[in-house]
Amino acid sequence: MTAIRFSLRSALGPAEALAVLTDFGPTRPQKWPSIDADHFTVHELGDRWAEVTEGTASAWERARYEWDLVEGRVTVTTHDSKVFGPGGGWDFTVTPEGDGSRIDVRLTRTPATIGGKVLAALLPLVGPSSLRKSFSRPLQAA
């Protein structure tokens, strides 16, 4: 299993940043550059969880999001993926910082294919900077 960590600062307050992470409305693909409309499906949605498929033709995953707004935490568990196997996922922790928030991200991946193993090996090298850039627009990173 490969794991990487990175942080970013957002001009959004913690509640606003958490709202962006947990908004599964029809405009989600327009807000997130790594999601296209053809690969975005909300399967089920609860008060503090969602089961969704999202991504692109080259890299999609079906995952369960669970969140605790009081703790400022969002956990995403991968159930199926085009590239990686089940069990990995994302952990987001959002804390107040100045006029905005700090978002700490932990990504874990379990490779299921040869291509997934290659990508998992590259993640520690290129993942933090490219993922930070991908998150900066929707989370209005400072």
C-alpha atoms as a PDB file:
ATOM      1  CA  MET A   1       0.000   0.000   0.000  1.00  0.00           C
ATOM      2  CA  THR A   2       1.309   3.430  -0.951  1.00  0.00           C
ATOM      3  CA  ALA A   3       0.563   6.452   1.229  1.00  0.00           C
ATOM      4  CA  ILE A   4       1.297  10.126   0.677  1.00  0.00           C
ATOM      5  CA  ARG A   5       0.510  13.192   2.729  1.00  0.00           C
ATOM      6  CA  PHE A   6       0.266  16.846   1.846  1.00  0.00           C
ATOM      7  CA  SER A   7      -1.371  19.989   3.154  1.00  0.00           C
ATOM      8  CA  LEU A   8      -2.789  23.120   1.651  1.00  0.00           C
ATOM      9  CA  ARG A   9      -4.087  26.382   2.977  1.00  0.00           C
ATOM     10  CA  SER A  10      -7.526  27.549   1.888  1.00  0.00           C
ATOM     11  CA  ALA A  11      -9.065  30.991   2.047  1.00  0.00           C
ATOM     12  CA  LEU A  12     -12.303  29.172   2.893  1.00  0.00           C
ATOM     13  CA  GLY A  13     -13.238  28.667   6.516  1.00  0.00           C
ATOM     14  CA  PRO A  14     -13.434  25.070   7.781  1.00  0.00           C
ATOM     15  CA  ALA A  15     -17.217  24.787   7.352  1.00  0.00           C
ATOM     16  CA  GLU A  16     -17.003  26.112   3.786  1.00  0.00           C
ATOM     17  CA  ALA A  17     -14.099  23.804   2.867  1.00  0.00           C
ATOM     18  CA  LEU A  18     -15.960  20.798   4.284  1.00  0.00           C
ATOM     19  CA  ALA A  19     -19.057  21.832   2.315  1.00  0.00           C
ATOM     20  CA  VAL A  20     -17.015  21.784  -0.917  1.00  0.00           C
ATOM     21  CA  LEU A  21     -15.602  18.340  -0.126  1.00  0.00           C
ATOM     22  CA  THR A  22     -19.065  16.916   0.624  1.00  0.00           C
ATOM     23  CA  ASP A  23     -21.159  18.617  -2.071  1.00  0.00           C
ATOM     24  CA  PHE A  24     -22.418  15.862  -4.364  1.00  0.00           C
ATOM     25  CA  GLY A  25     -24.799  18.043  -6.350  1.00  0.00           C
ATOM     26  CA  PRO A  26     -24.924  18.112 -10.155  1.00  0.00           C
ATOM     27  CA  THR A  27     -22.258  20.846 -10.389  1.00  0.00           C
ATOM     28  CA  ARG A  28     -19.519  18.732  -8.727  1.00  0.00           C
ATOM     29  CA  PRO A  29     -17.864  17.888 -12.083  1.00  0.00           C
ATOM     30  CA  GLN A  30     -17.593  21.600 -12.943  1.00  0.00           C
ATOM     31  CA  LYS A  31     -15.916  22.353  -9.598  1.00  0.00           C
ATOM     32  CA  TRP A  32     -13.401  19.498  -9.568  1.00  0.00           C
ATOM     33  CA  PRO A  33     -10.984  19.213 -12.536  1.00  0.00           C
ATOM     34  CA  SER A  34     -10.448  15.490 -11.877  1.00  0.00           C
ATOM     35  CA  ILE A  35     -14.146  14.626 -12.369  1.00  0.00           C
ATOM     36  CA  ASP A  36     -16.021  14.634 -15.654  1.00  0.00           C
ATOM     37  CA  ALA A  37     -19.801  14.492 -15.947  1.00  0.00           C
ATOM     38  CA  ASP A  38     -19.738  11.140 -17.765  1.00  0.00           C
ATOM     39  CA  HIS A  39     -17.967   9.522 -14.811  1.00  0.00           C
ATOM     40  CA  PHE A  40     -19.932  11.030 -11.940  1.00  0.00           C
ATOM     41  CA  THR A  41     -22.770   9.085 -10.338  1.00  0.00           C
ATOM     42  CA  VAL A  42     -24.245   9.453  -6.870  1.00  0.00           C
ATOM     43  CA  HIS A  43     -25.458   5.963  -5.973  1.00  0.00           C
ATOM     44  CA  GLU A  44     -26.731   6.763  -2.480  1.00  0.00           C
ATOM     45  CA  LEU A  45     -26.634   9.841  -0.265  1.00  0.00           C
ATOM     46  CA  GLY A  46     -27.196  10.118   3.473  1.00  0.00           C
ATOM     47  CA  ASP A  47     -26.851  12.890   6.044  1.00  0.00           C
ATOM     48  CA  ARG A  48     -23.186  12.161   6.739  1.00  0.00           C
ATOM     49  CA  TRP A  49     -22.202   9.786   3.934  1.00  0.00           C
ATOM     50  CA  ALA A  50     -22.349   9.272   0.177  1.00  0.00           C
ATOM     51  CA  GLU A  51     -21.625   6.395  -2.177  1.00  0.00           C
ATOM     52  CA  VAL A  52     -20.353   7.793  -5.478  1.00  0.00           C
ATOM     53  CA  THR A  53     -18.452   6.954  -8.618  1.00  0.00           C
ATOM     54  CA  GLU A  54     -16.295   9.806  -9.873  1.00  0.00           C
ATOM     55  CA  GLY A  55     -13.257  10.477 -11.998  1.00  0.00           C
ATOM     56  CA  THR A  56     -12.498  10.317 -15.698  1.00  0.00           C
ATOM     57  CA  ALA A  57     -12.360   7.621 -18.373  1.00  0.00           C
ATOM     58  CA  SER A  58      -8.695   6.991 -17.534  1.00  0.00           C
ATOM     59  CA  ALA A  59      -9.030   7.006 -13.730  1.00  0.00           C
ATOM     60  CA  TRP A  60     -12.358   6.571 -11.950  1.00  0.00           C
ATOM     61  CA  GLU A  61     -13.269   5.095  -8.606  1.00  0.00           C
ATOM     62  CA  ARG A  62     -16.354   4.097  -6.684  1.00  0.00           C
ATOM     63  CA  ALA A  63     -16.024   5.170  -3.079  1.00  0.00           C
ATOM     64  CA  ARG A  64     -17.878   5.770   0.143  1.00  0.00           C
ATOM     65  CA  TYR A  65     -17.496   9.207   1.694  1.00  0.00           C
ATOM     66  CA  GLU A  66     -18.169   9.625   5.401  1.00  0.00           C
ATOM     67  CA  TRP A  67     -17.849  12.927   7.223  1.00  0.00           C
ATOM     68  CA  ASP A  68     -18.005  14.480  10.643  1.00  0.00           C
ATOM     69  CA  LEU A  69     -18.444  18.229  10.403  1.00  0.00           C
ATOM     70  CA  VAL A  70     -17.778  18.749  14.124  1.00  0.00           C
ATOM     71  CA  GLU A  71     -14.421  16.966  13.936  1.00  0.00           C
ATOM     72  CA  GLY A  72     -13.634  18.510  10.532  1.00  0.00           C
ATOM     73  CA  ARG A  73     -12.932  15.166   8.953  1.00  0.00           C
ATOM     74  CA  VAL A  74     -13.868  13.482   5.658  1.00  0.00           C
ATOM     75  CA  THR A  75     -12.904   9.856   5.015  1.00  0.00           C
ATOM     76  CA  VAL A  76     -13.175   8.311   1.561  1.00  0.00           C
ATOM     77  CA  THR A  77     -12.882   4.537   1.196  1.00  0.00           C
ATOM     78  CA  THR A  78     -12.302   3.100  -2.275  1.00  0.00           C
ATOM     79  CA  HIS A  79     -14.604   0.186  -3.152  1.00  0.00           C
ATOM     80  CA  ASP A  80     -13.677  -0.192  -6.829  1.00  0.00           C
ATOM     81  CA  SER A  81     -11.316   1.589  -9.188  1.00  0.00           C
ATOM     82  CA  LYS A  82     -10.096   1.383 -12.746  1.00  0.00           C
ATOM     83  CA  VAL A  83      -6.482   1.583 -11.594  1.00  0.00           C
ATOM     84  CA  PHE A  84      -6.296   0.752  -7.883  1.00  0.00           C
ATOM     85  CA  GLY A  85      -7.838  -1.979  -5.801  1.00  0.00           C
ATOM     86  CA  PRO A  86     -10.356  -1.627  -3.007  1.00  0.00           C
ATOM     87  CA  GLY A  87      -9.355  -0.493   0.447  1.00  0.00           C
ATOM     88  CA  GLY A  88      -7.302   2.612  -0.171  1.00  0.00           C
ATOM     89  CA  GLY A  89      -8.756   6.084  -0.074  1.00  0.00           C
ATOM     90  CA  TRP A  90      -8.495   9.625   1.189  1.00  0.00           C
ATOM     91  CA  ASP A  91      -8.546  11.257   4.614  1.00  0.00           C
ATOM     92  CA  PHE A  92      -9.127  14.998   4.860  1.00  0.00           C
ATOM     93  CA  THR A  93      -8.758  16.918   8.114  1.00  0.00           C
ATOM     94  CA  VAL A  94      -9.796  20.559   8.042  1.00  0.00           C
ATOM     95  CA  THR A  95      -8.720  22.918  10.827  1.00  0.00           C
ATOM     96  CA  PRO A  96      -9.008  26.687  11.274  1.00  0.00           C
ATOM     97  CA  GLU A  97      -5.907  28.651  10.339  1.00  0.00           C
ATOM     98  CA  GLY A  98      -5.904  32.435  10.281  1.00  0.00           C
ATOM     99  CA  ASP A  99      -8.879  33.685   8.261  1.00  0.00           C
ATOM    100  CA  GLY A 100      -9.189  30.375   6.420  1.00  0.00           C
ATOM    101  CA  SER A 101      -8.290  26.783   7.024  1.00  0.00           C
ATOM    102  CA  ARG A 102      -5.577  24.198   6.708  1.00  0.00           C
ATOM    103  CA  ILE A 103      -6.480  20.985   4.913  1.00  0.00           C
ATOM    104  CA  ASP A 104      -4.316  17.962   5.666  1.00  0.00           C
ATOM    105  CA  VAL A 105      -4.704  15.163   3.135  1.00  0.00           C
ATOM    106  CA  ARG A 106      -3.628  11.545   3.346  1.00  0.00           C
ATOM    107  CA  LEU A 107      -3.991   9.360   0.249  1.00  0.00           C
ATOM    108  CA  THR A 108      -3.510   5.603   0.351  1.00  0.00           C
ATOM    109  CA  ARG A 109      -3.601   3.357  -2.672  1.00  0.00           C
ATOM    110  CA  THR A 110      -3.613  -0.410  -3.059  1.00  0.00           C
ATOM    111  CA  PRO A 111      -2.440  -1.283  -6.587  1.00  0.00           C
ATOM    112  CA  ALA A 112      -4.522  -3.913  -8.365  1.00  0.00           C
ATOM    113  CA  THR A 113      -2.881  -3.891 -11.793  1.00  0.00           C
ATOM    114  CA  ILE A 114       0.620  -3.495 -13.219  1.00  0.00           C
ATOM    115  CA  GLY A 115      -0.298   0.043 -14.266  1.00  0.00           C
ATOM    116  CA  GLY A 116      -1.567   0.690 -10.748  1.00  0.00           C
ATOM    117  CA  LYS A 117       1.731  -0.527  -9.299  1.00  0.00           C
ATOM    118  CA  VAL A 118       3.650   1.858 -11.550  1.00  0.00           C
ATOM    119  CA  LEU A 119       1.393   4.766 -10.578  1.00  0.00           C
ATOM    120  CA  ALA A 120       1.641   3.861  -6.893  1.00  0.00           C
ATOM    121  CA  ALA A 121       5.433   3.932  -7.171  1.00  0.00           C
ATOM    122  CA  LEU A 122       5.292   7.404  -8.751  1.00  0.00           C
ATOM    123  CA  LEU A 123       2.775   8.861  -6.286  1.00  0.00           C
ATOM    124  CA  PRO A 124       5.309   9.838  -3.613  1.00  0.00           C
ATOM    125  CA  LEU A 125       7.343  11.699  -6.239  1.00  0.00           C
ATOM    126  CA  VAL A 126       4.687  13.594  -8.179  1.00  0.00           C
ATOM    127  CA  GLY A 127       1.523  13.130  -6.128  1.00  0.00           C
ATOM    128  CA  PRO A 128       1.766  15.885  -3.531  1.00  0.00           C
ATOM    129  CA  SER A 129       2.429  18.747  -5.959  1.00  0.00           C
ATOM    130  CA  SER A 130      -0.005  17.617  -8.666  1.00  0.00           C
ATOM    131  CA  LEU A 131      -2.765  16.796  -6.161  1.00  0.00           C
ATOM    132  CA  ARG A 132      -2.263  20.081  -4.296  1.00  0.00           C
ATOM    133  CA  LYS A 133      -2.707  21.860  -7.641  1.00  0.00           C
ATOM    134  CA  SER A 134      -5.842  19.804  -8.422  1.00  0.00           C
ATOM    135  CA  PHE A 135      -7.393  20.707  -5.058  1.00  0.00           C
ATOM    136  CA  SER A 136      -6.437  24.373  -5.131  1.00  0.00           C
ATOM    137  CA  ARG A 137      -9.224  25.562  -7.437  1.00  0.00           C
ATOM    138  CA  PRO A 138     -12.261  23.965  -5.770  1.00  0.00           C
ATOM    139  CA  LEU A 139     -10.912  24.675  -2.285  1.00  0.00           C
ATOM    140  CA  GLN A 140      -9.680  28.158  -3.213  1.00  0.00           C
ATOM    141  CA  ALA A 141      -6.214  27.512  -1.898  1.00  0.00           C
ATOM    142  CA  ALA A 142      -4.201  30.491  -0.736  1.00  0.00           C
END
